[in-house]
N, C-alpha and C. Protein backbone atom coordinates (compact mmCIF):
# COMPACT_ATOMS: atom_id res chain seq x y z
N MET A 1 0.55 -1.62 -0.17
CA MET A 1 0.39 0.54 -0.30
C MET A 1 0.71 1.07 -0.54
N ALA A 2 2.02 0.93 0.45
CA ALA A 2 2.64 2.65 0.48
C ALA A 2 3.29 2.84 -1.31
N GLY A 3 4.09 1.50 -1.45
CA GLY A 3 4.38 1.78 -2.87
C GLY A 3 2.72 2.51 -3.55
N GLU A 4 2.41 1.88 -3.39
CA GLU A 4 0.71 2.38 -4.01
C GLU A 4 0.23 3.87 -3.91
N ASN A 5 0.69 4.42 -3.33
CA ASN A 5 0.56 5.30 -2.48
C ASN A 5 1.68 6.82 -2.83
N ILE A 6 3.38 6.01 -3.06
CA ILE A 6 3.47 7.17 -3.26
C ILE A 6 4.09 6.94 -5.33
N VAL A 7 4.02 5.58 -5.52
CA VAL A 7 4.18 6.17 -7.24
C VAL A 7 2.72 6.10 -7.81
N GLN A 8 2.40 7.17 -8.77
CA GLN A 8 0.98 8.08 -9.26
C GLN A 8 1.56 7.40 -10.65
N ASP A 9 3.12 7.29 -10.74
CA ASP A 9 3.04 7.73 -12.60
C ASP A 9 2.52 5.74 -13.20
N PRO A 10 1.70 6.08 -14.71
CA PRO A 10 0.42 4.60 -14.87
C PRO A 10 2.03 3.72 -14.92
N PHE A 11 2.62 3.44 -15.88
CA PHE A 11 3.52 2.65 -16.24
C PHE A 11 4.34 2.15 -15.16
N LEU A 12 4.96 3.00 -14.13
CA LEU A 12 5.51 2.24 -13.54
C LEU A 12 4.53 1.62 -12.24
N GLN A 13 3.45 2.12 -12.12
CA GLN A 13 2.25 1.05 -11.56
C GLN A 13 1.81 -0.03 -12.51
N SER A 14 1.71 -0.26 -14.03
CA SER A 14 1.31 -1.38 -13.82
C SER A 14 2.68 -2.44 -13.65
N VAL A 15 4.34 -2.22 -13.85
CA VAL A 15 5.31 -2.94 -13.35
C VAL A 15 4.50 -3.50 -11.95
N LEU A 16 5.09 -2.24 -10.77
CA LEU A 16 4.26 -2.93 -9.89
C LEU A 16 3.22 -4.01 -9.87
N ASP A 17 2.28 -3.24 -10.36
CA ASP A 17 0.91 -4.83 -10.59
C ASP A 17 2.01 -6.16 -10.56
N VAL A 18 2.16 -5.96 -11.75
CA VAL A 18 2.84 -7.33 -13.43
C VAL A 18 4.58 -8.09 -12.06
N SER A 19 5.20 -7.20 -11.50
CA SER A 19 6.10 -7.90 -10.58
C SER A 19 5.16 -8.58 -9.28
N ALA A 20 4.07 -7.86 -8.73
CA ALA A 20 3.37 -8.80 -7.49
C ALA A 20 2.63 -10.38 -8.22
N ASN A 21 2.22 -10.07 -9.51
CA ASN A 21 1.24 -11.38 -9.56
C ASN A 21 2.80 -11.73 -10.10
N THR A 22 3.74 -11.84 -10.09
CA THR A 22 4.91 -12.83 -10.96
C THR A 22 5.60 -13.83 -9.13
N ARG A 23 5.34 -12.56 -8.40
CA ARG A 23 6.05 -12.60 -7.23
C ARG A 23 4.86 -13.89 -6.10
N ALA A 24 3.16 -13.65 -7.02
CA ALA A 24 2.43 -14.68 -6.77
C ALA A 24 2.31 -15.90 -7.45
N GLN A 25 2.30 -15.24 -8.23
CA GLN A 25 2.02 -17.31 -9.81
C GLN A 25 3.20 -17.98 -8.99
N CYS A 26 5.13 -17.40 -8.81
CA CYS A 26 5.77 -18.17 -7.56
C CYS A 26 5.78 -18.87 -6.27
N LEU A 27 5.31 -18.03 -5.78
CA LEU A 27 4.35 -18.38 -4.38
C LEU A 27 2.96 -19.71 -4.84
N ASN A 28 2.64 -19.68 -5.65
CA ASN A 28 1.67 -20.35 -5.59
C ASN A 28 1.97 -21.41 -6.31
N LEU A 29 2.71 -21.34 -7.23
CA LEU A 29 3.69 -22.80 -7.97
C LEU A 29 4.29 -23.22 -6.89
N LEU A 30 5.05 -23.43 -6.06
CA LEU A 30 5.59 -23.38 -5.21
C LEU A 30 4.66 -24.36 -3.95
N GLU A 31 3.79 -23.22 -3.49
CA GLU A 31 2.82 -24.19 -2.47
C GLU A 31 2.02 -25.14 -3.32
N LEU A 32 1.68 -25.55 -5.01
CA LEU A 32 1.72 -26.50 -4.73
C LEU A 32 2.33 -27.78 -5.77
N VAL A 33 3.86 -27.30 -5.37
CA VAL A 33 4.15 -28.20 -5.60
C VAL A 33 4.38 -29.47 -3.87
N GLU A 34 4.97 -27.99 -2.83
CA GLU A 34 4.75 -28.45 -1.83
C GLU A 34 3.52 -30.07 -1.25
N GLN A 35 1.99 -29.12 -1.85
CA GLN A 35 0.95 -30.36 -1.64
C GLN A 35 0.99 -31.23 -2.07
N SER A 36 1.58 -30.97 -3.34
CA SER A 36 1.77 -32.80 -3.56
C SER A 36 2.47 -33.69 -3.05
N GLY A 37 3.33 -33.97 -2.42
CA GLY A 37 3.41 -34.27 -0.93
C GLY A 37 4.49 -35.84 -2.05
N VAL A 38 5.59 -35.39 -2.94
CA VAL A 38 5.78 -36.32 -3.52
C VAL A 38 7.46 -36.37 -3.88
N ALA A 39 8.08 -36.26 -3.46
CA ALA A 39 9.52 -37.12 -3.08
C ALA A 39 10.35 -36.46 -4.48
N GLU A 40 11.53 -36.17 -4.18
CA GLU A 40 12.21 -35.64 -5.96
C GLU A 40 12.69 -36.59 -6.76
N SER A 41 13.17 -37.73 -6.34
CA SER A 41 13.03 -38.92 -6.71
C SER A 41 11.82 -39.92 -7.52
N GLU A 42 10.25 -39.29 -6.94
CA GLU A 42 9.02 -40.20 -7.79
C GLU A 42 8.81 -39.16 -8.74
N SER A 43 7.58 -39.85 -9.18
CA SER A 43 7.54 -38.74 -10.20
C SER A 43 5.58 -38.86 -9.81
N LEU A 44 5.57 -37.32 -10.80
CA LEU A 44 4.46 -36.66 -10.23
C LEU A 44 3.25 -37.16 -10.94
N PRO A 45 2.40 -37.03 -10.12
CA PRO A 45 1.05 -37.74 -10.17
C PRO A 45 0.50 -36.67 -12.07
N ARG A 46 -0.25 -37.86 -12.96
CA ARG A 46 0.07 -36.81 -14.62
C ARG A 46 -0.89 -35.95 -13.80
N ASP A 47 -2.39 -35.37 -13.24
CA ASP A 47 -3.61 -34.66 -13.11
C ASP A 47 -2.74 -33.74 -12.54
N VAL A 48 -1.00 -32.98 -11.81
CA VAL A 48 -0.49 -32.26 -10.86
C VAL A 48 0.71 -31.70 -11.61
N GLN A 49 0.67 -33.16 -12.74
CA GLN A 49 1.88 -32.37 -13.96
C GLN A 49 1.54 -31.34 -14.58
N LEU A 50 0.03 -31.61 -15.01
CA LEU A 50 -0.45 -30.64 -16.26
C LEU A 50 -0.55 -29.38 -15.37
N GLU A 51 -0.94 -29.58 -14.16
CA GLU A 51 -1.16 -28.29 -12.84
C GLU A 51 -0.10 -27.57 -13.26
N LEU A 52 0.88 -28.14 -12.63
CA LEU A 52 2.27 -27.20 -12.52
C LEU A 52 2.17 -26.78 -14.20
N PHE A 53 2.60 -27.47 -15.55
CA PHE A 53 2.90 -26.70 -16.22
C PHE A 53 1.92 -25.74 -16.67
N ASN A 54 0.29 -26.17 -16.62
CA ASN A 54 -0.46 -24.20 -16.66
C ASN A 54 0.23 -24.00 -16.17
N GLN A 55 0.22 -23.51 -14.23
CA GLN A 55 1.05 -22.70 -13.32
C GLN A 55 2.30 -22.12 -13.99
N GLN A 56 2.93 -23.20 -14.57
CA GLN A 56 4.79 -22.52 -15.41
C GLN A 56 4.14 -21.96 -16.34
N GLN A 57 3.61 -22.47 -17.08
CA GLN A 57 3.37 -20.85 -18.68
C GLN A 57 2.99 -19.77 -18.27
N LEU A 58 1.85 -19.76 -17.04
CA LEU A 58 1.89 -19.06 -15.93
C LEU A 58 2.29 -17.78 -15.59
N LEU A 59 3.39 -18.15 -15.14
CA LEU A 59 4.59 -17.82 -14.52
C LEU A 59 5.46 -17.45 -15.57
N TYR A 60 5.92 -17.97 -16.76
CA TYR A 60 6.74 -17.66 -17.61
C TYR A 60 6.18 -16.26 -18.67
N ALA A 61 4.90 -16.65 -18.60
CA ALA A 61 3.97 -14.46 -19.02
C ALA A 61 3.66 -13.93 -18.64
N TYR A 62 4.06 -14.14 -17.15
CA TYR A 62 4.57 -12.81 -16.47
C TYR A 62 5.43 -12.60 -16.56
N LEU A 63 6.06 -13.51 -16.65
CA LEU A 63 8.41 -12.98 -16.04
C LEU A 63 8.15 -12.25 -17.41
N THR A 64 7.88 -12.58 -19.06
CA THR A 64 8.00 -12.19 -20.04
C THR A 64 7.59 -11.14 -20.10
N GLN A 65 5.68 -10.99 -19.66
CA GLN A 65 5.97 -9.18 -19.25
C GLN A 65 6.11 -8.85 -18.50
N LEU A 66 6.88 -9.03 -17.51
CA LEU A 66 7.49 -8.63 -16.52
C LEU A 66 9.01 -7.96 -17.66
N ARG A 67 10.03 -8.88 -18.81
CA ARG A 67 10.49 -8.02 -18.89
C ARG A 67 10.75 -7.28 -20.09
N GLY A 68 9.62 -7.49 -20.53
CA GLY A 68 9.41 -6.03 -21.74
C GLY A 68 9.31 -5.51 -20.42
N LEU A 69 8.19 -5.12 -19.66
CA LEU A 69 8.22 -3.75 -19.08
C LEU A 69 9.73 -3.04 -18.42
N ASN A 70 10.64 -4.66 -18.22
CA ASN A 70 11.42 -3.51 -17.79
C ASN A 70 12.55 -2.91 -18.82
N ARG A 71 12.35 -3.42 -20.32
CA ARG A 71 12.82 -2.61 -21.21
C ARG A 71 12.50 -1.95 -21.32
N ASN A 72 11.13 -1.27 -21.09
CA ASN A 72 10.54 -0.57 -22.11
C ASN A 72 10.82 0.98 -20.91
N ALA A 73 11.33 0.47 -19.03
CA ALA A 73 11.96 1.66 -18.22
C ALA A 73 12.94 1.44 -19.28
N ILE A 74 14.04 0.64 -19.86
CA ILE A 74 15.15 0.53 -20.19
C ILE A 74 15.03 2.22 -20.53
N LEU A 75 14.58 2.04 -21.74
CA LEU A 75 13.70 2.89 -22.62
C LEU A 75 13.09 4.05 -22.47
N LYS A 76 12.37 3.84 -21.09
CA LYS A 76 12.07 5.15 -20.78
C LYS A 76 12.97 6.44 -20.03
N VAL A 77 13.90 5.05 -19.32
CA VAL A 77 14.99 6.00 -18.75
C VAL A 77 15.87 6.76 -19.14
N ARG A 78 16.92 5.70 -20.22
CA ARG A 78 17.44 6.49 -21.22
C ARG A 78 16.64 7.99 -22.16
N LYS A 79 15.52 7.90 -22.73
CA LYS A 79 14.69 8.71 -23.00
C LYS A 79 14.14 9.81 -22.18
N THR A 80 14.57 9.85 -20.53
CA THR A 80 14.22 10.64 -20.19
C THR A 80 16.39 11.20 -19.31
N LYS A 81 17.07 10.76 -20.00
CA LYS A 81 17.97 11.17 -19.60
C LYS A 81 18.16 11.81 -20.89
N GLN A 82 18.14 11.70 -22.05
CA GLN A 82 18.59 12.82 -23.06
C GLN A 82 17.83 13.55 -22.42
N THR A 83 15.77 13.71 -22.38
CA THR A 83 15.37 14.64 -21.96
C THR A 83 16.25 16.10 -21.02
N THR A 84 16.22 15.34 -19.42
CA THR A 84 17.21 15.63 -18.66
C THR A 84 18.05 16.42 -18.86
N ALA A 85 19.49 15.48 -19.99
CA ALA A 85 20.13 15.95 -20.41
C ALA A 85 19.76 17.96 -20.94
N GLU A 86 19.48 17.29 -21.99
CA GLU A 86 18.37 18.82 -22.83
C GLU A 86 18.41 19.77 -22.16
N ALA A 87 17.33 19.06 -21.13
CA ALA A 87 16.82 20.44 -20.17
C ALA A 87 17.25 20.80 -18.67
N ARG A 88 18.68 20.64 -18.79
CA ARG A 88 20.27 20.70 -17.98
C ARG A 88 20.79 22.43 -19.28
N GLN A 89 20.55 21.86 -20.41
CA GLN A 89 21.65 22.86 -20.95
C GLN A 89 21.04 23.32 -21.34
N GLU A 90 19.25 23.63 -21.80
CA GLU A 90 18.85 24.70 -21.51
C GLU A 90 18.11 25.66 -19.97
N VAL A 91 18.39 24.83 -19.04
CA VAL A 91 18.92 25.58 -17.89
C VAL A 91 20.26 26.37 -17.59
N ASP A 92 20.48 26.01 -18.62
CA ASP A 92 22.84 26.60 -18.46
C ASP A 92 22.75 26.97 -19.00
N ARG A 93 21.78 27.39 -20.07
CA ARG A 93 21.78 28.66 -21.03
C ARG A 93 21.01 29.56 -20.23
N LEU A 94 19.78 29.04 -19.86
CA LEU A 94 19.32 30.43 -19.48
C LEU A 94 19.86 31.25 -18.73
N HIS A 95 20.24 30.43 -16.95
CA HIS A 95 21.20 30.55 -16.40
C HIS A 95 22.57 31.82 -16.34
N LEU A 96 22.87 31.60 -17.74
CA LEU A 96 23.71 32.60 -18.48
C LEU A 96 23.64 33.74 -18.77
N GLN A 97 22.42 33.25 -19.40
CA GLN A 97 22.21 34.39 -20.00
C GLN A 97 20.60 34.90 -18.84
N LEU A 98 20.68 34.61 -17.77
CA LEU A 98 20.20 35.47 -16.52
C LEU A 98 21.52 35.87 -15.81
N GLN A 99 22.91 35.58 -15.89
CA GLN A 99 23.67 36.23 -15.90
C GLN A 99 24.25 37.17 -15.47
N ASN A 100 24.10 37.12 -17.74
CA ASN A 100 24.93 38.02 -18.27
C ASN A 100 24.01 39.22 -18.14
N LEU A 101 22.21 39.37 -18.23
CA LEU A 101 21.78 40.20 -17.72
C LEU A 101 21.92 40.64 -16.35
N TYR A 102 22.26 39.93 -15.30
CA TYR A 102 22.51 40.43 -14.02
C TYR A 102 23.80 41.21 -14.03
N TYR A 103 24.82 41.44 -14.99
CA TYR A 103 25.74 41.80 -15.00
C TYR A 103 25.82 43.17 -15.58
N GLU A 104 24.48 43.12 -16.95
CA GLU A 104 24.31 44.56 -17.55
C GLU A 104 23.86 45.16 -17.09
N GLU A 105 22.30 44.73 -16.19
CA GLU A 105 21.75 45.54 -15.43
C GLU A 105 22.81 46.07 -14.33
N ARG A 106 23.59 45.77 -13.70
CA ARG A 106 24.54 46.09 -12.64
C ARG A 106 24.77 46.99 -13.55
N HIS A 107 25.53 46.66 -14.48
CA HIS A 107 26.41 48.16 -16.03
C HIS A 107 25.32 49.46 -15.65
N LEU A 108 23.79 48.54 -15.74
CA LEU A 108 23.55 49.89 -16.41
C LEU A 108 23.49 50.40 -15.36
N ARG A 109 22.94 50.38 -14.24
CA ARG A 109 23.30 51.35 -12.58
C ARG A 109 23.38 51.86 -12.57
N GLY A 110 25.22 51.46 -12.93
CA GLY A 110 26.58 51.95 -11.93
C GLY A 110 25.87 53.41 -13.45
N GLU A 111 26.23 53.04 -14.36
CA GLU A 111 25.54 54.19 -15.81
C GLU A 111 24.49 55.42 -15.06
N ILE A 112 24.08 54.80 -14.60
CA ILE A 112 22.85 55.34 -14.39
C ILE A 112 22.63 56.83 -12.51
N GLU A 113 23.78 55.72 -11.83
CA GLU A 113 24.15 56.42 -10.90
C GLU A 113 24.87 57.30 -11.17
N SER A 114 26.23 57.31 -12.42
CA SER A 114 26.78 57.80 -12.60
C SER A 114 26.71 59.41 -13.03
N CYS A 115 25.71 58.83 -14.24
CA CYS A 115 24.75 59.95 -15.03
C CYS A 115 23.89 61.14 -14.17
N LYS A 116 23.64 59.94 -12.22
CA LYS A 116 22.59 60.80 -11.07
C LYS A 116 24.23 61.63 -10.79
N SER A 117 25.14 61.57 -10.92
CA SER A 117 26.03 62.31 -9.94
C SER A 117 26.93 63.03 -10.77
N TYR A 118 26.32 63.09 -12.60
CA TYR A 118 27.57 64.07 -12.86
C TYR A 118 27.20 65.83 -13.12
N ASP A 119 28.67 66.04 -13.18
CA ASP A 119 27.45 67.90 -12.68
C ASP A 119 27.60 68.29 -13.88
N HIS A 120 26.13 67.76 -14.66
CA HIS A 120 26.31 68.47 -16.19
C HIS A 120 25.69 70.10 -15.67
N LYS A 121 26.45 70.71 -17.35
CA LYS A 121 26.98 71.41 -18.12
C LYS A 121 24.81 73.04 -17.34
N TYR A 122 23.91 72.42 -17.60
CA TYR A 122 23.16 72.90 -17.75
C TYR A 122 22.87 73.55 -15.98
N GLN A 123 23.23 73.02 -15.01
CA GLN A 123 22.97 72.97 -13.78
C GLN A 123 24.09 74.11 -13.76
N GLN A 124 25.03 74.67 -14.17
CA GLN A 124 25.26 75.60 -14.13
C GLN A 124 24.92 76.82 -14.61
N LEU A 125 24.60 76.53 -15.10
CA LEU A 125 23.57 78.20 -15.86
C LEU A 125 22.70 79.39 -14.75
N PRO A 126 23.35 80.65 -15.13
CA PRO A 126 22.00 81.41 -14.19
C PRO A 126 20.89 81.38 -14.99
N LEU A 127 19.74 80.74 -14.41
CA LEU A 127 19.10 80.71 -15.04
C LEU A 127 17.92 81.07 -13.95
N ILE A 128 16.79 82.11 -14.31
CA ILE A 128 16.36 83.37 -13.42
C ILE A 128 15.29 82.61 -12.81
N PRO A 129 15.17 83.02 -11.41
CA PRO A 129 14.73 81.66 -11.31
C PRO A 129 12.98 81.25 -11.16
N VAL A 130 12.84 79.92 -10.56
CA VAL A 130 11.87 79.53 -11.02
C VAL A 130 10.01 80.00 -10.93
N GLU A 131 10.00 81.26 -9.54
CA GLU A 131 9.62 82.16 -9.71
C GLU A 131 9.29 83.16 -10.34
N GLU A 132 9.92 83.58 -11.04
CA GLU A 132 10.01 84.47 -11.83
C GLU A 132 10.04 84.34 -13.37
N PHE A 133 10.43 82.53 -13.48
CA PHE A 133 10.32 82.12 -14.55
C PHE A 133 8.65 82.35 -14.44
N LEU A 134 7.82 82.09 -14.11
CA LEU A 134 6.67 81.47 -13.35
C LEU A 134 5.74 82.65 -13.94
N GLN A 135 5.68 83.62 -13.47
CA GLN A 135 5.58 84.57 -13.41
C GLN A 135 5.40 85.36 -14.95
N ILE A 136 6.51 84.51 -15.88
CA ILE A 136 6.60 84.82 -17.21
C ILE A 136 6.32 84.09 -17.91
N HIS A 137 5.78 82.97 -17.20
CA HIS A 137 5.23 81.88 -18.49
C HIS A 137 4.28 81.03 -17.52
N PRO A 138 3.02 81.84 -17.35
CA PRO A 138 1.40 80.66 -16.57
C PRO A 138 1.67 79.56 -16.52
N GLU A 139 1.06 79.12 -17.94
CA GLU A 139 0.83 78.22 -18.69
C GLU A 139 1.64 76.96 -18.52
N LEU A 140 3.07 77.06 -18.05
CA LEU A 140 3.52 75.98 -17.20
C LEU A 140 3.49 75.55 -15.34
N ALA A 141 3.09 76.41 -14.82
CA ALA A 141 2.37 76.06 -13.94
C ALA A 141 3.02 74.50 -13.53
N GLU A 142 2.17 73.77 -14.60
CA GLU A 142 1.50 72.41 -14.24
C GLU A 142 2.26 71.86 -14.63
N ALA A 143 3.80 72.47 -15.24
CA ALA A 143 4.35 71.77 -16.26
C ALA A 143 5.55 70.92 -15.20
N ASP A 144 5.78 69.53 -15.51
CA ASP A 144 7.03 68.54 -14.95
C ASP A 144 7.65 68.66 -14.77
N GLU A 145 9.20 68.64 -13.62
CA GLU A 145 10.35 69.47 -13.79
C GLU A 145 11.45 69.58 -14.33
N LYS A 146 10.56 68.06 -15.72
CA LYS A 146 12.05 68.20 -17.15
C LYS A 146 11.56 69.37 -17.82
N SER A 147 10.10 69.38 -17.76
CA SER A 147 9.70 69.97 -18.91
C SER A 147 9.95 71.88 -18.35
N LEU A 148 9.93 71.38 -17.00
CA LEU A 148 9.76 73.36 -16.97
C LEU A 148 12.06 73.62 -17.18
N MET A 149 12.19 72.76 -17.12
CA MET A 149 13.62 73.13 -16.96
C MET A 149 14.38 73.34 -18.69
N LEU A 150 14.01 72.15 -19.15
CA LEU A 150 13.68 72.52 -20.60
C LEU A 150 13.19 74.34 -20.95
N ALA A 151 12.20 74.34 -20.85
CA ALA A 151 11.56 75.35 -20.78
C ALA A 151 12.02 76.80 -20.05
N ARG A 152 13.18 76.64 -19.17
CA ARG A 152 14.01 77.74 -18.21
C ARG A 152 15.06 77.84 -19.53
N ILE A 153 15.79 76.64 -19.81
CA ILE A 153 17.15 76.57 -20.43
C ILE A 153 16.72 77.37 -22.09
N ASN A 154 15.79 77.23 -22.69
CA ASN A 154 14.99 77.71 -24.35
C ASN A 154 14.88 78.89 -23.84
N HIS A 155 14.35 79.36 -22.76
CA HIS A 155 14.51 81.01 -22.19
C HIS A 155 15.79 81.76 -22.27
N GLU A 156 16.29 81.38 -21.97
CA GLU A 156 17.60 81.41 -21.11
C GLU A 156 18.72 81.79 -22.91
N LEU A 157 17.69 80.71 -23.79
CA LEU A 157 19.18 80.50 -24.71
C LEU A 157 18.67 82.39 -25.65
N LYS A 158 16.80 82.13 -25.76
CA LYS A 158 16.22 83.07 -26.37
C LYS A 158 17.09 84.47 -25.83
N GLU A 159 16.89 84.87 -25.08
CA GLU A 159 17.51 86.24 -23.56
C GLU A 159 19.32 86.01 -24.44
N ARG A 160 19.54 84.88 -24.71
CA ARG A 160 21.33 85.12 -24.58
C ARG A 160 21.50 85.75 -25.94
N GLU A 161 20.30 84.86 -27.25
CA GLU A 161 20.34 85.53 -28.60
C GLU A 161 20.19 86.45 -29.27
N ALA A 162 18.90 87.04 -28.03
CA ALA A 162 18.51 88.78 -27.97
C ALA A 162 19.38 89.72 -27.76
N LEU A 163 20.94 89.33 -26.68
CA LEU A 163 22.04 90.06 -25.70
C LEU A 163 22.75 90.03 -27.52
N GLU A 164 22.57 88.89 -27.67
CA GLU A 164 23.73 88.18 -28.71
C GLU A 164 23.83 89.69 -29.40
N GLN A 165 22.78 89.86 -30.19
CA GLN A 165 21.90 90.64 -31.30
C GLN A 165 22.00 91.89 -30.73
N GLN A 166 21.59 92.62 -30.48
CA GLN A 166 22.10 93.98 -29.47
C GLN A 166 23.77 93.96 -29.73
N ARG A 167 25.17 92.77 -28.60
CA ARG A 167 25.61 93.21 -29.05
C ARG A 167 26.35 93.21 -30.15
N GLN A 168 26.22 92.46 -31.19
CA GLN A 168 26.43 92.71 -32.49
C GLN A 168 25.73 94.30 -33.00
N GLU A 169 24.26 94.87 -32.44
CA GLU A 169 24.67 95.70 -33.45
C GLU A 169 25.34 97.11 -32.91
N LEU A 170 25.23 96.51 -31.34
CA LEU A 170 26.00 97.93 -30.93
C LEU A 170 27.55 98.57 -30.96
N LEU A 171 28.10 96.46 -31.31
CA LEU A 171 29.76 97.07 -31.90
C LEU A 171 29.40 97.60 -33.77
N LYS A 172 28.54 97.19 -34.49
CA LYS A 172 28.78 97.62 -35.92
C LYS A 172 29.15 99.21 -35.29
N LYS A 173 27.74 99.71 -33.92
CA LYS A 173 27.48 101.35 -34.21
C LYS A 173 28.76 101.43 -33.38
N LYS A 174 29.18 101.00 -33.25
CA LYS A 174 30.71 101.34 -31.94
C LYS A 174 31.44 101.57 -33.54
N GLN A 175 31.64 100.49 -34.36
CA GLN A 175 32.76 100.64 -35.92
C GLN A 175 32.55 101.75 -36.84
N ARG A 176 31.48 102.12 -36.51
CA ARG A 176 30.86 103.54 -37.27
C ARG A 176 31.72 104.91 -36.57
N LEU A 177 30.70 104.77 -35.52
CA LEU A 177 31.53 105.84 -35.25
C LEU A 177 32.85 106.01 -34.50
N ILE A 178 33.80 105.06 -34.12
CA ILE A 178 35.68 105.23 -35.26
C ILE A 178 35.77 105.71 -36.13
N ALA A 179 35.41 104.93 -37.31
CA ALA A 179 35.14 105.30 -38.45
C ALA A 179 34.40 106.62 -39.10
N GLU A 180 33.65 107.08 -38.23
CA GLU A 180 33.75 108.22 -37.99
C GLU A 180 34.36 109.65 -37.66
N ASN A 181 34.77 109.41 -36.31
CA ASN A 181 35.78 109.98 -35.69
C ASN A 181 36.96 109.80 -36.65
N LYS A 182 37.69 109.10 -36.72
CA LYS A 182 38.93 108.91 -36.90
C LYS A 182 38.94 109.94 -38.77
N LYS A 183 37.60 109.78 -39.26
CA LYS A 183 37.66 110.83 -40.29
C LYS A 183 37.62 111.74 -40.33
N ARG A 184 36.75 112.68 -38.97
CA ARG A 184 37.41 113.62 -38.49
C ARG A 184 38.61 113.68 -38.08
N LYS A 185 39.30 112.97 -37.66
CA LYS A 185 40.48 113.27 -37.57
C LYS A 185 41.35 113.37 -38.39
N ASP A 186 40.59 113.33 -39.85
CA ASP A 186 41.89 113.11 -40.81
C ASP A 186 41.16 114.75 -41.01
N ASP A 187 39.98 114.86 -41.01
CA ASP A 187 39.54 116.22 -41.29
C ASP A 187 40.15 117.30 -40.28
N LEU A 188 40.30 117.05 -39.27
CA LEU A 188 41.08 118.57 -38.45
C LEU A 188 41.95 118.48 -38.67
N ALA A 189 43.57 117.24 -39.44
CA ALA A 189 44.69 117.27 -39.03
C ALA A 189 44.88 118.01 -41.10
N SER A 190 43.70 117.83 -41.58
CA SER A 190 44.07 118.52 -43.23
C SER A 190 43.80 120.20 -43.07
N LEU A 191 43.02 120.62 -41.88
CA LEU A 191 42.49 121.74 -41.72
C LEU A 191 43.69 122.24 -41.09
N ASP A 192 44.23 121.59 -39.74
CA ASP A 192 45.63 121.95 -39.58
C ASP A 192 46.38 122.27 -40.30
N LYS A 193 46.36 121.36 -41.74
CA LYS A 193 47.17 121.99 -42.34
C LYS A 193 47.38 123.51 -43.22
N ASP A 194 46.19 123.05 -43.48
CA ASP A 194 45.79 124.31 -44.08
C ASP A 194 46.01 125.84 -43.64
N LEU A 195 45.42 125.50 -41.68
CA LEU A 195 45.48 126.94 -41.30
C LEU A 195 46.96 126.99 -41.13
N GLU A 196 47.99 126.21 -41.33
CA GLU A 196 49.83 126.97 -40.97
C GLU A 196 49.92 127.56 -42.30
N LYS A 197 49.39 126.37 -44.04
CA LYS A 197 49.31 127.35 -44.69
C LYS A 197 49.26 128.72 -44.72
N PHE A 198 47.90 129.27 -44.77
CA PHE A 198 47.10 130.05 -44.49
C PHE A 198 48.73 131.22 -43.96
N ILE A 199 48.63 130.08 -42.27
CA ILE A 199 49.12 131.45 -41.92
C ILE A 199 50.29 132.16 -42.40
N ASP A 200 51.19 131.15 -42.48
CA ASP A 200 52.52 131.46 -43.23
C ASP A 200 52.54 132.09 -44.69
N VAL A 201 51.57 131.96 -45.30
CA VAL A 201 51.49 132.89 -46.50
C VAL A 201 50.63 134.17 -46.02
N GLY A 202 50.05 134.23 -44.76
CA GLY A 202 49.99 135.46 -44.30
C GLY A 202 51.09 136.48 -43.46
N ASP A 203 52.46 135.89 -42.80
CA ASP A 203 53.09 136.21 -42.34
C ASP A 203 53.90 136.77 -43.48
N LEU A 204 54.19 136.14 -45.03
CA LEU A 204 55.05 136.58 -45.79
C LEU A 204 54.06 137.97 -46.45
N ASP A 205 53.23 137.57 -46.67
CA ASP A 205 52.18 139.29 -46.70
C ASP A 205 52.72 140.29 -46.30
N SER A 206 52.89 139.81 -44.66
CA SER A 206 53.20 140.68 -43.60
C SER A 206 53.74 141.90 -43.74
N ASN A 207 54.89 140.66 -44.19
CA ASN A 207 56.74 141.09 -43.91
C ASN A 207 56.63 142.17 -45.85
N SER A 208 56.06 141.76 -46.81
CA SER A 208 55.90 142.23 -47.73
C SER A 208 55.52 143.99 -47.95
N PHE A 209 54.40 143.70 -46.76
CA PHE A 209 53.91 145.36 -46.39
C PHE A 209 54.62 145.93 -46.41
N LYS A 210 55.14 145.28 -44.95
CA LYS A 210 56.17 146.38 -44.13
C LYS A 210 56.99 146.89 -45.22
N MET A 211 58.08 146.01 -46.36
CA MET A 211 59.02 146.56 -46.46
C MET A 211 58.76 147.68 -47.54
N LEU A 212 57.38 147.94 -47.98
CA LEU A 212 56.65 148.89 -49.03
C LEU A 212 56.17 149.97 -48.20
N MET A 213 56.10 149.85 -47.00
CA MET A 213 56.01 151.17 -45.47
C MET A 213 57.43 152.06 -46.00
N PRO A 214 57.12 153.38 -45.79
CA PRO A 214 58.07 154.19 -45.74
C PRO A 214 58.89 154.56 -44.71
N PRO A 215 59.92 154.95 -44.35
CA PRO A 215 60.67 154.63 -42.90
C PRO A 215 59.69 155.12 -41.98
N SER A 216 60.36 155.27 -40.75
CA SER A 216 58.98 156.26 -39.45
C SER A 216 59.53 157.21 -39.05
N GLY A 217 58.81 158.36 -39.55
CA GLY A 217 59.21 159.85 -39.31
C GLY A 217 59.16 160.81 -40.71
N TRP A 218 59.22 159.59 -41.38
CA TRP A 218 59.28 160.37 -43.64
C TRP A 218 58.46 160.65 -43.53
N ARG A 219 58.13 161.91 -44.62
CA ARG A 219 57.14 163.01 -45.05
C ARG A 219 57.55 163.16 -46.15
N ALA A 220 56.02 163.42 -46.57
CA ALA A 220 55.99 163.38 -47.69
C ALA A 220 56.45 164.67 -48.49
N ASN A 221 56.98 164.67 -49.94
CA ASN A 221 57.27 165.46 -50.05
C ASN A 221 55.85 166.57 -51.02
N PRO A 222 55.84 168.09 -51.27
CA PRO A 222 54.48 168.18 -51.56
C PRO A 222 55.18 167.92 -52.99
N LYS A 223 56.10 168.50 -53.32
CA LYS A 223 56.48 168.57 -54.75
C LYS A 223 56.76 167.04 -55.06
N ASN A 224 56.38 165.74 -54.43
CA ASN A 224 56.46 165.06 -55.01
C ASN A 224 55.61 164.52 -55.47
N LEU A 225 54.77 164.79 -55.22
CA LEU A 225 53.54 164.69 -54.98
C LEU A 225 52.76 164.20 -56.83
């Protein structure tokens, strides 16, 4: 009963049943020989021999059936071993794949932690405070942290582009003023040269005029007039 409760496989149960029938047939055959009461040197009666023959044939049938079951059991064991080996290979493959996934997961977690601890450049940008930004863009009040940060960066980019454009315009204006100042300096320098020439010419005319003037104390003679 204990074996019947443990063994649940139908094939093994049939092996146990045939084994039990074979054992019982062997016991029946021995009991029949003992009941005949004939010594080994004496021949058995005809009816006893016929009964023994029938019981032996039945025993042989059980043994043949038992051998067949034993052969099938051996084939099943071989098949089970092959299936087990294939399943073990599959388990080993899956275990190796699981180990690779574990190493990959650990690597990715390390990369994620590195990214989280990385000092990103955008964190160093002099962005305007969130409160001030939301006052300018109240439609982003319900935005998540990532969207809000992107919007602030884009806002800072636009502001810097506008400042850069103003800087370029002021630079052009500066260059224009420098060119105008240089032209005025050149004009003033040219004017200075002209004034110097004019002064030199004026001095020359003054000296010539003085040479034509009569000496001091000289009076004109009316006769000469």
